[in-house]
PDB file of N, CA and C in Angstrom:
ATOM      1  N   MET A   1      32.391   5.586   8.420  1.00  0.00           N
ATOM      2  CA  MET A   1      32.776   6.648   9.320  1.00  0.00           C
ATOM      3  C   MET A   1      33.447   6.047  10.549  1.00  0.00           C
ATOM      4  N   ALA A   2      34.472   6.704  11.054  1.00  0.00           N
ATOM      5  CA  ALA A   2      35.202   6.220  12.208  1.00  0.00           C
ATOM      6  C   ALA A   2      34.329   6.310  13.452  1.00  0.00           C
ATOM      7  N   LYS A   3      34.447   5.268  14.295  1.00  0.00           N
ATOM      8  CA  LYS A   3      33.688   5.236  15.528  1.00  0.00           C
ATOM      9  C   LYS A   3      34.638   5.106  16.707  1.00  0.00           C
ATOM     10  N   GLN A   4      34.352   5.822  17.784  1.00  0.00           N
ATOM     11  CA  GLN A   4      35.118   5.704  19.018  1.00  0.00           C
ATOM     12  C   GLN A   4      34.588   4.489  19.761  1.00  0.00           C
ATOM     13  N   ALA A   5      35.478   3.563  20.093  1.00  0.00           N
ATOM     14  CA  ALA A   5      35.080   2.380  20.836  1.00  0.00           C
ATOM     15  C   ALA A   5      34.836   2.752  22.288  1.00  0.00           C
ATOM     16  N   VAL A   6      33.910   2.041  22.908  1.00  0.00           N
ATOM     17  CA  VAL A   6      33.619   2.268  24.312  1.00  0.00           C
ATOM     18  C   VAL A   6      34.702   1.594  25.123  1.00  0.00           C
ATOM     19  N   GLY A   7      35.246   2.304  26.052  1.00  0.00           N
ATOM     20  CA  GLY A   7      36.301   1.741  26.889  1.00  0.00           C
ATOM     21  C   GLY A   7      36.494   2.621  28.100  1.00  0.00           C
ATOM     22  N   GLY A   8      37.065   2.064  29.098  1.00  0.00           N
ATOM     23  CA  GLY A   8      37.330   2.837  30.292  1.00  0.00           C
ATOM     24  C   GLY A   8      38.803   2.804  30.584  1.00  0.00           C
ATOM     25  N   GLY A   9      39.171   3.498  31.627  1.00  0.00           N
ATOM     26  CA  GLY A   9      40.556   3.405  32.022  1.00  0.00           C
ATOM     27  C   GLY A   9      41.328   4.656  31.731  1.00  0.00           C
ATOM     28  N   HIS A  10      42.623   4.464  31.652  1.00  0.00           N
ATOM     29  CA  HIS A  10      43.565   5.567  31.600  1.00  0.00           C
ATOM     30  C   HIS A  10      43.872   6.072  30.205  1.00  0.00           C
ATOM     31  N   ARG A  11      43.415   5.410  29.179  1.00  0.00           N
ATOM     32  CA  ARG A  11      43.717   5.846  27.818  1.00  0.00           C
ATOM     33  C   ARG A  11      42.440   5.876  26.985  1.00  0.00           C
ATOM     34  N   ALA A  12      42.512   6.672  25.945  1.00  0.00           N
ATOM     35  CA  ALA A  12      41.344   6.778  25.064  1.00  0.00           C
ATOM     36  C   ALA A  12      41.128   5.462  24.332  1.00  0.00           C
ATOM     37  N   ALA A  13      39.880   5.117  24.153  1.00  0.00           N
ATOM     38  CA  ALA A  13      39.551   3.906  23.401  1.00  0.00           C
ATOM     39  C   ALA A  13      39.912   4.121  21.935  1.00  0.00           C
ATOM     40  N   PRO A  14      40.287   3.057  21.252  1.00  0.00           N
ATOM     41  CA  PRO A  14      40.681   3.208  19.851  1.00  0.00           C
ATOM     42  C   PRO A  14      39.514   3.600  18.958  1.00  0.00           C
ATOM     43  N   VAL A  15      39.837   4.330  17.906  1.00  0.00           N
ATOM     44  CA  VAL A  15      38.852   4.731  16.907  1.00  0.00           C
ATOM     45  C   VAL A  15      38.919   3.729  15.760  1.00  0.00           C
ATOM     46  N   HIS A  16      37.760   3.238  15.329  1.00  0.00           N
ATOM     47  CA  HIS A  16      37.700   2.249  14.258  1.00  0.00           C
ATOM     48  C   HIS A  16      37.003   2.822  13.034  1.00  0.00           C
ATOM     49  N   THR A  17      37.480   2.430  11.879  1.00  0.00           N
ATOM     50  CA  THR A  17      36.884   2.844  10.613  1.00  0.00           C
ATOM     51  C   THR A  17      36.097   1.678  10.049  1.00  0.00           C
ATOM     52  N   ASP A  18      34.883   1.951   9.630  1.00  0.00           N
ATOM     53  CA  ASP A  18      34.063   0.933   8.990  1.00  0.00           C
ATOM     54  C   ASP A  18      34.700   0.594   7.642  1.00  0.00           C
ATOM     55  N   PRO A  19      34.915  -0.690   7.348  1.00  0.00           N
ATOM     56  CA  PRO A  19      35.510  -1.050   6.060  1.00  0.00           C
ATOM     57  C   PRO A  19      34.764  -0.469   4.857  1.00  0.00           C
ATOM     58  N   GLU A  20      33.476  -0.228   4.972  1.00  0.00           N
ATOM     59  CA  GLU A  20      32.708   0.363   3.873  1.00  0.00           C
ATOM     60  C   GLU A  20      33.179   1.771   3.535  1.00  0.00           C
ATOM     61  N   ASP A  21      33.870   2.418   4.486  1.00  0.00           N
ATOM     62  CA  ASP A  21      34.349   3.777   4.277  1.00  0.00           C
ATOM     63  C   ASP A  21      35.807   3.825   3.827  1.00  0.00           C
ATOM     64  N   VAL A  22      36.392   2.671   3.528  1.00  0.00           N
ATOM     65  CA  VAL A  22      37.809   2.577   3.180  1.00  0.00           C
ATOM     66  C   VAL A  22      37.967   2.510   1.664  1.00  0.00           C
ATOM     67  N   SER A  23      38.901   3.301   1.141  1.00  0.00           N
ATOM     68  CA  SER A  23      39.185   3.247  -0.297  1.00  0.00           C
ATOM     69  C   SER A  23      40.125   2.081  -0.579  1.00  0.00           C
ATOM     70  N   VAL A  24      40.148   1.642  -1.817  1.00  0.00           N
ATOM     71  CA  VAL A  24      41.031   0.546  -2.190  1.00  0.00           C
ATOM     72  C   VAL A  24      42.497   0.954  -2.001  1.00  0.00           C
ATOM     73  N   LEU A  25      42.835   2.204  -2.251  1.00  0.00           N
ATOM     74  CA  LEU A  25      44.214   2.649  -2.051  1.00  0.00           C
ATOM     75  C   LEU A  25      44.618   2.604  -0.585  1.00  0.00           C
ATOM     76  N   THR A  26      43.712   2.961   0.307  1.00  0.00           N
ATOM     77  CA  THR A  26      43.990   2.880   1.739  1.00  0.00           C
ATOM     78  C   THR A  26      44.196   1.430   2.154  1.00  0.00           C
ATOM     79  N   ALA A  27      43.350   0.543   1.656  1.00  0.00           N
ATOM     80  CA  ALA A  27      43.471  -0.881   1.977  1.00  0.00           C
ATOM     81  C   ALA A  27      44.788  -1.443   1.469  1.00  0.00           C
ATOM     82  N   LEU A  28      45.131  -1.141   0.230  1.00  0.00           N
ATOM     83  CA  LEU A  28      46.378  -1.646  -0.343  1.00  0.00           C
ATOM     84  C   LEU A  28      47.596  -1.094   0.383  1.00  0.00           C
ATOM     85  N   SER A  29      47.559   0.172   0.744  1.00  0.00           N
ATOM     86  CA  SER A  29      48.663   0.780   1.478  1.00  0.00           C
ATOM     87  C   SER A  29      48.843   0.108   2.840  1.00  0.00           C
ATOM     88  N   ALA A  30      47.745  -0.212   3.489  1.00  0.00           N
ATOM     89  CA  ALA A  30      47.815  -0.843   4.814  1.00  0.00           C
ATOM     90  C   ALA A  30      48.458  -2.219   4.755  1.00  0.00           C
ATOM     91  N   VAL A  31      48.162  -2.982   3.723  1.00  0.00           N
ATOM     92  CA  VAL A  31      48.689  -4.351   3.643  1.00  0.00           C
ATOM     93  C   VAL A  31      50.056  -4.414   2.970  1.00  0.00           C
ATOM     94  N   ALA A  32      50.550  -3.289   2.445  1.00  0.00           N
ATOM     95  CA  ALA A  32      51.821  -3.290   1.729  1.00  0.00           C
ATOM     96  C   ALA A  32      53.033  -3.272   2.654  1.00  0.00           C
ATOM     97  N   ASP A  33      52.866  -2.840   3.879  1.00  0.00           N
ATOM     98  CA  ASP A  33      53.982  -2.739   4.810  1.00  0.00           C
ATOM     99  C   ASP A  33      54.300  -4.101   5.421  1.00  0.00           C
ATOM    100  N   PRO A  34      55.564  -4.506   5.466  1.00  0.00           N
ATOM    101  CA  PRO A  34      55.915  -5.836   5.986  1.00  0.00           C
ATOM    102  C   PRO A  34      55.526  -6.066   7.448  1.00  0.00           C
ATOM    103  N   VAL A  35      55.640  -5.041   8.289  1.00  0.00           N
ATOM    104  CA  VAL A  35      55.262  -5.204   9.698  1.00  0.00           C
ATOM    105  C   VAL A  35      53.755  -5.397   9.806  1.00  0.00           C
ATOM    106  N   ARG A  36      52.993  -4.578   9.085  1.00  0.00           N
ATOM    107  CA  ARG A  36      51.532  -4.721   9.143  1.00  0.00           C
ATOM    108  C   ARG A  36      51.099  -6.055   8.551  1.00  0.00           C
ATOM    109  N   LEU A  37      51.775  -6.496   7.513  1.00  0.00           N
ATOM    110  CA  LEU A  37      51.470  -7.796   6.926  1.00  0.00           C
ATOM    111  C   LEU A  37      51.701  -8.908   7.947  1.00  0.00           C
ATOM    112  N   GLN A  38      52.777  -8.818   8.697  1.00  0.00           N
ATOM    113  CA  GLN A  38      53.044  -9.804   9.740  1.00  0.00           C
ATOM    114  C   GLN A  38      51.951  -9.772  10.811  1.00  0.00           C
ATOM    115  N   LEU A  39      51.530  -8.577  11.216  1.00  0.00           N
ATOM    116  CA  LEU A  39      50.466  -8.453  12.215  1.00  0.00           C
ATOM    117  C   LEU A  39      49.175  -9.098  11.706  1.00  0.00           C
ATOM    118  N   ILE A  40      48.820  -8.816  10.463  1.00  0.00           N
ATOM    119  CA  ILE A  40      47.601  -9.372   9.873  1.00  0.00           C
ATOM    120  C   ILE A  40      47.679 -10.892   9.816  1.00  0.00           C
ATOM    121  N   ARG A  41      48.801 -11.413   9.381  1.00  0.00           N
ATOM    122  CA  ARG A  41      48.952 -12.868   9.269  1.00  0.00           C
ATOM    123  C   ARG A  41      48.887 -13.544  10.630  1.00  0.00           C
ATOM    124  N   GLU A  42      49.511 -12.944  11.636  1.00  0.00           N
ATOM    125  CA  GLU A  42      49.449 -13.534  12.970  1.00  0.00           C
ATOM    126  C   GLU A  42      48.029 -13.471  13.527  1.00  0.00           C
ATOM    127  N   LEU A  43      47.339 -12.372  13.279  1.00  0.00           N
ATOM    128  CA  LEU A  43      45.946 -12.279  13.745  1.00  0.00           C
ATOM    129  C   LEU A  43      45.056 -13.285  13.032  1.00  0.00           C
ATOM    130  N   ALA A  44      45.323 -13.513  11.762  1.00  0.00           N
ATOM    131  CA  ALA A  44      44.521 -14.465  10.996  1.00  0.00           C
ATOM    132  C   ALA A  44      44.641 -15.878  11.563  1.00  0.00           C
ATOM    133  N   GLY A  45      45.766 -16.186  12.181  1.00  0.00           N
ATOM    134  CA  GLY A  45      45.977 -17.506  12.757  1.00  0.00           C
ATOM    135  C   GLY A  45      45.638 -17.595  14.226  1.00  0.00           C
ATOM    136  N   SER A  46      45.036 -16.554  14.774  1.00  0.00           N
ATOM    137  CA  SER A  46      44.710 -16.501  16.199  1.00  0.00           C
ATOM    138  C   SER A  46      43.207 -16.340  16.400  1.00  0.00           C
ATOM    139  N   ALA A  47      42.735 -16.785  17.531  1.00  0.00           N
ATOM    140  CA  ALA A  47      41.329 -16.595  17.884  1.00  0.00           C
ATOM    141  C   ALA A  47      41.063 -15.112  18.131  1.00  0.00           C
ATOM    142  N   ASP A  48      39.842 -14.671  17.821  1.00  0.00           N
ATOM    143  CA  ASP A  48      39.461 -13.282  18.077  1.00  0.00           C
ATOM    144  C   ASP A  48      39.701 -12.929  19.534  1.00  0.00           C
ATOM    145  N   TRP A  49      40.235 -11.740  19.747  1.00  0.00           N
ATOM    146  CA  TRP A  49      40.454 -11.155  21.060  1.00  0.00           C
ATOM    147  C   TRP A  49      41.469 -11.917  21.907  1.00  0.00           C
ATOM    148  N   SER A  50      42.280 -12.781  21.288  1.00  0.00           N
ATOM    149  CA  SER A  50      43.248 -13.546  22.066  1.00  0.00           C
ATOM    150  C   SER A  50      44.650 -12.934  22.059  1.00  0.00           C
ATOM    151  N   ARG A  51      44.895 -11.947  21.202  1.00  0.00           N
ATOM    152  CA  ARG A  51      46.239 -11.376  21.073  1.00  0.00           C
ATOM    153  C   ARG A  51      46.265  -9.930  21.551  1.00  0.00           C
ATOM    154  N   SER A  52      47.110  -9.676  22.533  1.00  0.00           N
ATOM    155  CA  SER A  52      47.326  -8.301  22.963  1.00  0.00           C
ATOM    156  C   SER A  52      48.377  -7.671  22.057  1.00  0.00           C
ATOM    157  N   CYS A  53      48.428  -6.372  22.046  1.00  0.00           N
ATOM    158  CA  CYS A  53      49.380  -5.676  21.173  1.00  0.00           C
ATOM    159  C   CYS A  53      50.815  -6.086  21.479  1.00  0.00           C
ATOM    160  N   GLY A  54      51.129  -6.310  22.729  1.00  0.00           N
ATOM    161  CA  GLY A  54      52.486  -6.661  23.113  1.00  0.00           C
ATOM    162  C   GLY A  54      52.870  -8.103  22.820  1.00  0.00           C
ATOM    163  N   SER A  55      51.938  -8.907  22.315  1.00  0.00           N
ATOM    164  CA  SER A  55      52.223 -10.327  22.081  1.00  0.00           C
ATOM    165  C   SER A  55      52.825 -10.610  20.707  1.00  0.00           C
ATOM    166  N   PHE A  56      52.978  -9.588  19.897  1.00  0.00           N
ATOM    167  CA  PHE A  56      53.511  -9.766  18.550  1.00  0.00           C
ATOM    168  C   PHE A  56      55.025  -9.554  18.558  1.00  0.00           C
ATOM    169  N   ASP A  57      55.739 -10.449  17.912  1.00  0.00           N
ATOM    170  CA  ASP A  57      57.194 -10.351  17.822  1.00  0.00           C
ATOM    171  C   ASP A  57      57.552  -9.640  16.523  1.00  0.00           C
ATOM    172  N   VAL A  58      57.529  -8.324  16.578  1.00  0.00           N
ATOM    173  CA  VAL A  58      57.831  -7.517  15.402  1.00  0.00           C
ATOM    174  C   VAL A  58      59.040  -6.624  15.706  1.00  0.00           C
ATOM    175  N   PRO A  59      59.801  -6.271  14.669  1.00  0.00           N
ATOM    176  CA  PRO A  59      61.048  -5.530  14.873  1.00  0.00           C
ATOM    177  C   PRO A  59      60.865  -4.017  15.000  1.00  0.00           C
ATOM    178  N   VAL A  60      59.863  -3.593  15.764  1.00  0.00           N
ATOM    179  CA  VAL A  60      59.630  -2.166  15.961  1.00  0.00           C
ATOM    180  C   VAL A  60      59.341  -1.903  17.429  1.00  0.00           C
ATOM    181  N   GLY A  61      59.522  -0.661  17.839  1.00  0.00           N
ATOM    182  CA  GLY A  61      59.233  -0.261  19.207  1.00  0.00           C
ATOM    183  C   GLY A  61      57.746  -0.034  19.434  1.00  0.00           C
ATOM    184  N   LYS A  62      57.410   0.318  20.675  1.00  0.00           N
ATOM    185  CA  LYS A  62      56.005   0.501  21.051  1.00  0.00           C
ATOM    186  C   LYS A  62      55.315   1.602  20.256  1.00  0.00           C
ATOM    187  N   ALA A  63      55.992   2.716  20.055  1.00  0.00           N
ATOM    188  CA  ALA A  63      55.374   3.831  19.329  1.00  0.00           C
ATOM    189  C   ALA A  63      55.093   3.443  17.881  1.00  0.00           C
ATOM    190  N   ALA A  64      56.046   2.792  17.239  1.00  0.00           N
ATOM    191  CA  ALA A  64      55.843   2.370  15.848  1.00  0.00           C
ATOM    192  C   ALA A  64      54.756   1.302  15.767  1.00  0.00           C
ATOM    193  N   LEU A  65      54.727   0.391  16.739  1.00  0.00           N
ATOM    194  CA  LEU A  65      53.691  -0.645  16.754  1.00  0.00           C
ATOM    195  C   LEU A  65      52.312  -0.011  16.899  1.00  0.00           C
ATOM    196  N   SER A  66      52.207   0.981  17.756  1.00  0.00           N
ATOM    197  CA  SER A  66      50.943   1.705  17.922  1.00  0.00           C
ATOM    198  C   SER A  66      50.522   2.350  16.602  1.00  0.00           C
ATOM    199  N   HIS A  67      51.468   2.929  15.889  1.00  0.00           N
ATOM    200  CA  HIS A  67      51.175   3.532  14.584  1.00  0.00           C
ATOM    201  C   HIS A  67      50.677   2.476  13.594  1.00  0.00           C
ATOM    202  N   HIS A  68      51.334   1.321  13.555  1.00  0.00           N
ATOM    203  CA  HIS A  68      50.917   0.265  12.628  1.00  0.00           C
ATOM    204  C   HIS A  68      49.495  -0.198  12.936  1.00  0.00           C
ATOM    205  N   PHE A  69      49.162  -0.360  14.206  1.00  0.00           N
ATOM    206  CA  PHE A  69      47.792  -0.737  14.556  1.00  0.00           C
ATOM    207  C   PHE A  69      46.799   0.361  14.191  1.00  0.00           C
ATOM    208  N   SER A  70      47.194   1.617  14.323  1.00  0.00           N
ATOM    209  CA  SER A  70      46.325   2.725  13.931  1.00  0.00           C
ATOM    210  C   SER A  70      46.032   2.676  12.431  1.00  0.00           C
ATOM    211  N   VAL A  71      47.049   2.386  11.628  1.00  0.00           N
ATOM    212  CA  VAL A  71      46.860   2.269  10.178  1.00  0.00           C
ATOM    213  C   VAL A  71      45.912   1.106   9.871  1.00  0.00           C
ATOM    214  N   LEU A  72      46.097  -0.021  10.553  1.00  0.00           N
ATOM    215  CA  LEU A  72      45.230  -1.179  10.311  1.00  0.00           C
ATOM    216  C   LEU A  72      43.786  -0.898  10.729  1.00  0.00           C
ATOM    217  N   ARG A  73      43.592  -0.173  11.819  1.00  0.00           N
ATOM    218  CA  ARG A  73      42.228   0.229  12.215  1.00  0.00           C
ATOM    219  C   ARG A  73      41.643   1.164  11.175  1.00  0.00           C
ATOM    220  N   GLY A  74      42.452   2.111  10.695  1.00  0.00           N
ATOM    221  CA  GLY A  74      41.996   3.075   9.701  1.00  0.00           C
ATOM    222  C   GLY A  74      41.625   2.441   8.378  1.00  0.00           C
ATOM    223  N   ALA A  75      42.201   1.272   8.106  1.00  0.00           N
ATOM    224  CA  ALA A  75      41.888   0.546   6.875  1.00  0.00           C
ATOM    225  C   ALA A  75      40.752  -0.452   7.080  1.00  0.00           C
ATOM    226  N   GLY A  76      40.194  -0.485   8.279  1.00  0.00           N
ATOM    227  CA  GLY A  76      39.082  -1.386   8.547  1.00  0.00           C
ATOM    228  C   GLY A  76      39.494  -2.838   8.725  1.00  0.00           C
ATOM    229  N   LEU A  77      40.779  -3.104   8.933  1.00  0.00           N
ATOM    230  CA  LEU A  77      41.271  -4.477   9.035  1.00  0.00           C
ATOM    231  C   LEU A  77      41.283  -5.030  10.454  1.00  0.00           C
ATOM    232  N   VAL A  78      41.441  -4.163  11.428  1.00  0.00           N
ATOM    233  CA  VAL A  78      41.609  -4.606  12.807  1.00  0.00           C
ATOM    234  C   VAL A  78      40.643  -3.860  13.711  1.00  0.00           C
ATOM    235  N   GLU A  79      40.120  -4.592  14.671  1.00  0.00           N
ATOM    236  CA  GLU A  79      39.316  -3.999  15.733  1.00  0.00           C
ATOM    237  C   GLU A  79      40.042  -4.261  17.037  1.00  0.00           C
ATOM    238  N   GLN A  80      40.042  -3.270  17.924  1.00  0.00           N
ATOM    239  CA  GLN A  80      40.717  -3.401  19.204  1.00  0.00           C
ATOM    240  C   GLN A  80      39.776  -3.021  20.330  1.00  0.00           C
ATOM    241  N   ARG A  81      40.027  -3.624  21.499  1.00  0.00           N
ATOM    242  CA  ARG A  81      39.301  -3.233  22.701  1.00  0.00           C
ATOM    243  C   ARG A  81      40.224  -3.415  23.891  1.00  0.00           C
ATOM    244  N   ASP A  82      39.939  -2.652  24.919  1.00  0.00           N
ATOM    245  CA  ASP A  82      40.739  -2.744  26.129  1.00  0.00           C
ATOM    246  C   ASP A  82      40.124  -3.747  27.090  1.00  0.00           C
ATOM    247  N   GLU A  83      40.984  -4.615  27.607  1.00  0.00           N
ATOM    248  CA  GLU A  83      40.601  -5.565  28.651  1.00  0.00           C
ATOM    249  C   GLU A  83      41.575  -5.361  29.792  1.00  0.00           C
ATOM    250  N   GLY A  84      41.155  -4.566  30.765  1.00  0.00           N
ATOM    251  CA  GLY A  84      42.064  -4.204  31.840  1.00  0.00           C
ATOM    252  C   GLY A  84      43.227  -3.414  31.262  1.00  0.00           C
ATOM    253  N   PRO A  85      44.453  -3.778  31.617  1.00  0.00           N
ATOM    254  CA  PRO A  85      45.606  -3.038  31.105  1.00  0.00           C
ATOM    255  C   PRO A  85      46.026  -3.448  29.687  1.00  0.00           C
ATOM    256  N   ARG A  86      45.396  -4.483  29.145  1.00  0.00           N
ATOM    257  CA  ARG A  86      45.774  -4.989  27.815  1.00  0.00           C
ATOM    258  C   ARG A  86      44.829  -4.465  26.746  1.00  0.00           C
ATOM    259  N   ARG A  87      45.376  -4.221  25.580  1.00  0.00           N
ATOM    260  CA  ARG A  87      44.556  -3.910  24.404  1.00  0.00           C
ATOM    261  C   ARG A  87      44.612  -5.148  23.518  1.00  0.00           C
ATOM    262  N   VAL A  88      43.448  -5.747  23.274  1.00  0.00           N
ATOM    263  CA  VAL A  88      43.386  -6.976  22.495  1.00  0.00           C
ATOM    264  C   VAL A  88      42.806  -6.692  21.114  1.00  0.00           C
ATOM    265  N   ASN A  89      43.065  -7.613  20.190  1.00  0.00           N
ATOM    266  CA  ASN A  89      42.795  -7.377  18.781  1.00  0.00           C
ATOM    267  C   ASN A  89      42.017  -8.514  18.144  1.00  0.00           C
ATOM    268  N   ARG A  90      41.324  -8.168  17.082  1.00  0.00           N
ATOM    269  CA  ARG A  90      40.731  -9.187  16.218  1.00  0.00           C
ATOM    270  C   ARG A  90      40.829  -8.693  14.782  1.00  0.00           C
ATOM    271  N   LEU A  91      41.035  -9.629  13.869  1.00  0.00           N
ATOM    272  CA  LEU A  91      41.035  -9.328  12.452  1.00  0.00           C
ATOM    273  C   LEU A  91      39.582  -9.242  11.997  1.00  0.00           C
ATOM    274  N   ARG A  92      39.223  -8.176  11.310  1.00  0.00           N
ATOM    275  CA  ARG A  92      37.843  -7.985  10.845  1.00  0.00           C
ATOM    276  C   ARG A  92      37.669  -8.661   9.484  1.00  0.00           C
ATOM    277  N   ARG A  93      37.913  -9.943   9.476  1.00  0.00           N
ATOM    278  CA  ARG A  93      37.937 -10.726   8.239  1.00  0.00           C
ATOM    279  C   ARG A  93      36.640 -10.611   7.448  1.00  0.00           C
ATOM    280  N   GLU A  94      35.506 -10.873   8.077  1.00  0.00           N
ATOM    281  CA  GLU A  94      34.228 -10.881   7.358  1.00  0.00           C
ATOM    282  C   GLU A  94      33.877  -9.492   6.816  1.00  0.00           C
ATOM    283  N   GLU A  95      34.076  -8.473   7.632  1.00  0.00           N
ATOM    284  CA  GLU A  95      33.740  -7.114   7.212  1.00  0.00           C
ATOM    285  C   GLU A  95      34.630  -6.657   6.056  1.00  0.00           C
ATOM    286  N   PHE A  96      35.939  -6.969   6.167  1.00  0.00           N
ATOM    287  CA  PHE A  96      36.878  -6.571   5.124  1.00  0.00           C
ATOM    288  C   PHE A  96      36.622  -7.352   3.838  1.00  0.00           C
ATOM    289  N   GLU A  97      36.296  -8.621   3.977  1.00  0.00           N
ATOM    290  CA  GLU A  97      36.000  -9.466   2.815  1.00  0.00           C
ATOM    291  C   GLU A  97      34.763  -8.948   2.076  1.00  0.00           C
ATOM    292  N   ALA A  98      33.770  -8.482   2.822  1.00  0.00           N
ATOM    293  CA  ALA A  98      32.567  -7.940   2.194  1.00  0.00           C
ATOM    294  C   ALA A  98      32.886  -6.688   1.373  1.00  0.00           C
ATOM    295  N   ARG A  99      33.836  -5.894   1.847  1.00  0.00           N
ATOM    296  CA  ARG A  99      34.203  -4.652   1.161  1.00  0.00           C
ATOM    297  C   ARG A  99      35.149  -4.912  -0.014  1.00  0.00           C
ATOM    298  N   PHE A 100      36.130  -5.797   0.201  1.00  0.00           N
ATOM    299  CA  PHE A 100      37.145  -6.091  -0.810  1.00  0.00           C
ATOM    300  C   PHE A 100      37.242  -7.603  -0.998  1.00  0.00           C
ATOM    301  N   PRO A 101      36.293  -8.193  -1.715  1.00  0.00           N
ATOM    302  CA  PRO A 101      36.269  -9.655  -1.864  1.00  0.00           C
ATOM    303  C   PRO A 101      37.577 -10.209  -2.427  1.00  0.00           C
ATOM    304  N   GLY A 102      38.144 -11.152  -1.712  1.00  0.00           N
ATOM    305  CA  GLY A 102      39.342 -11.844  -2.154  1.00  0.00           C
ATOM    306  C   GLY A 102      40.659 -11.185  -1.794  1.00  0.00           C
ATOM    307  N   LEU A 103      40.657  -9.909  -1.441  1.00  0.00           N
ATOM    308  CA  LEU A 103      41.917  -9.204  -1.178  1.00  0.00           C
ATOM    309  C   LEU A 103      42.638  -9.776   0.042  1.00  0.00           C
ATOM    310  N   LEU A 104      41.928  -9.982   1.125  1.00  0.00           N
ATOM    311  CA  LEU A 104      42.578 -10.481   2.328  1.00  0.00           C
ATOM    312  C   LEU A 104      43.137 -11.888   2.116  1.00  0.00           C
ATOM    313  N   ASP A 105      42.391 -12.749   1.460  1.00  0.00           N
ATOM    314  CA  ASP A 105      42.906 -14.089   1.171  1.00  0.00           C
ATOM    315  C   ASP A 105      44.151 -14.023   0.289  1.00  0.00           C
ATOM    316  N   LEU A 106      44.137 -13.137  -0.678  1.00  0.00           N
ATOM    317  CA  LEU A 106      45.296 -12.973  -1.555  1.00  0.00           C
ATOM    318  C   LEU A 106      46.521 -12.558  -0.742  1.00  0.00           C
ATOM    319  N   VAL A 107      46.342 -11.616   0.155  1.00  0.00           N
ATOM    320  CA  VAL A 107      47.439 -11.130   0.992  1.00  0.00           C
ATOM    321  C   VAL A 107      47.908 -12.213   1.961  1.00  0.00           C
ATOM    322  N   LEU A 108      46.970 -12.911   2.566  1.00  0.00           N
ATOM    323  CA  LEU A 108      47.338 -13.928   3.552  1.00  0.00           C
ATOM    324  C   LEU A 108      48.010 -15.134   2.921  1.00  0.00           C
ATOM    325  N   ASN A 109      47.669 -15.437   1.692  1.00  0.00           N
ATOM    326  CA  ASN A 109      48.195 -16.631   1.036  1.00  0.00           C
ATOM    327  C   ASN A 109      49.354 -16.354   0.092  1.00  0.00           C
ATOM    328  N   ALA A 110      49.792 -15.104   0.013  1.00  0.00           N
ATOM    329  CA  ALA A 110      50.918 -14.768  -0.866  1.00  0.00           C
ATOM    330  C   ALA A 110      52.160 -15.493  -0.382  1.00  0.00           C
ATOM    331  N   ASP A 111      52.897 -16.064  -1.318  1.00  0.00           N
ATOM    332  CA  ASP A 111      54.098 -16.808  -0.945  1.00  0.00           C
ATOM    333  C   ASP A 111      55.346 -15.983  -1.218  1.00  0.00           C
ATOM    334  N   GLY A 112      55.482 -14.930  -0.462  1.00  0.00           N
ATOM    335  CA  GLY A 112      56.643 -14.060  -0.631  1.00  0.00           C
ATOM    336  C   GLY A 112      56.312 -12.889  -1.519  1.00  0.00           C
ATOM    337  N   ASP A 113      57.318 -12.109  -1.825  1.00  0.00           N
ATOM    338  CA  ASP A 113      57.113 -10.895  -2.609  1.00  0.00           C
ATOM    339  C   ASP A 113      57.304 -11.116  -4.095  1.00  0.00           C
ATOM    340  N   ARG A 114      57.741 -12.308  -4.496  1.00  0.00           N
ATOM    341  CA  ARG A 114      57.994 -12.579  -5.912  1.00  0.00           C
ATOM    342  C   ARG A 114      56.681 -12.901  -6.614  1.00  0.00           C
ATOM    343  N   PRO A 115      56.348 -12.185  -7.683  1.00  0.00           N
ATOM    344  CA  PRO A 115      55.120 -12.482  -8.423  1.00  0.00           C
ATOM    345  C   PRO A 115      55.159 -13.904  -8.967  1.00  0.00           C
ATOM    346  N   ARG A 116      54.009 -14.553  -8.981  1.00  0.00           N
ATOM    347  CA  ARG A 116      53.923 -15.908  -9.514  1.00  0.00           C
ATOM    348  C   ARG A 116      54.251 -15.907 -10.987  1.00  0.00           C
ATOM    349  N   GLY A 117      54.915 -16.979 -11.421  1.00  0.00           N
ATOM    350  CA  GLY A 117      55.269 -17.098 -12.821  1.00  0.00           C
ATOM    351  C   GLY A 117      56.579 -16.436 -13.185  1.00  0.00           C
ATOM    352  N   CYS A 118      57.193 -15.723 -12.227  1.00  0.00           N
ATOM    353  CA  CYS A 118      58.477 -15.073 -12.500  1.00  0.00           C
ATOM    354  C   CYS A 118      59.596 -15.973 -12.009  1.00  0.00           C
ATOM    355  N   ASP A 119      60.561 -16.190 -12.860  1.00  0.00           N
ATOM    356  CA  ASP A 119      61.717 -16.978 -12.474  1.00  0.00           C
ATOM    357  C   ASP A 119      62.728 -16.078 -11.797  1.00  0.00           C
ATOM    358  N   PRO A 120      63.363 -16.585 -10.726  1.00  0.00           N
ATOM    359  CA  PRO A 120      64.398 -15.763 -10.095  1.00  0.00           C
ATOM    360  C   PRO A 120      65.562 -15.534 -11.055  1.00  0.00           C
ATOM    361  N   ALA A 121      66.184 -14.403 -10.946  1.00  0.00           N
ATOM    362  CA  ALA A 121      67.296 -14.032 -11.844  1.00  0.00           C
ATOM    363  C   ALA A 121      68.530 -14.848 -11.566  1.00  0.00           C
TER     364      ALA A 121
END
């Protein structure tokens, strides 16, 4: 079930979905988008709570970036909290791994979009 995070300030705290409440289709849809995949990969290589939303170099505007983070929260992949004017993020690796064993590693270690064993045309 989605939970409202505790936060103060000028904006509503983000709502998080427990990975246990996420369907496999929701999880797969979340990781299928190239921008969200980039966000996940960058978070995987960063310390928890060290990346603010504005620190990602992605080819989308603020509104689209906010939407992508909302999808990732809804899939149980990302947790966010407000620290002053910044919203910082962490990848919910352990929680997501418990729900979908091996999926996150598969996504993080994929070497491009070409299936393994397929020769380029």
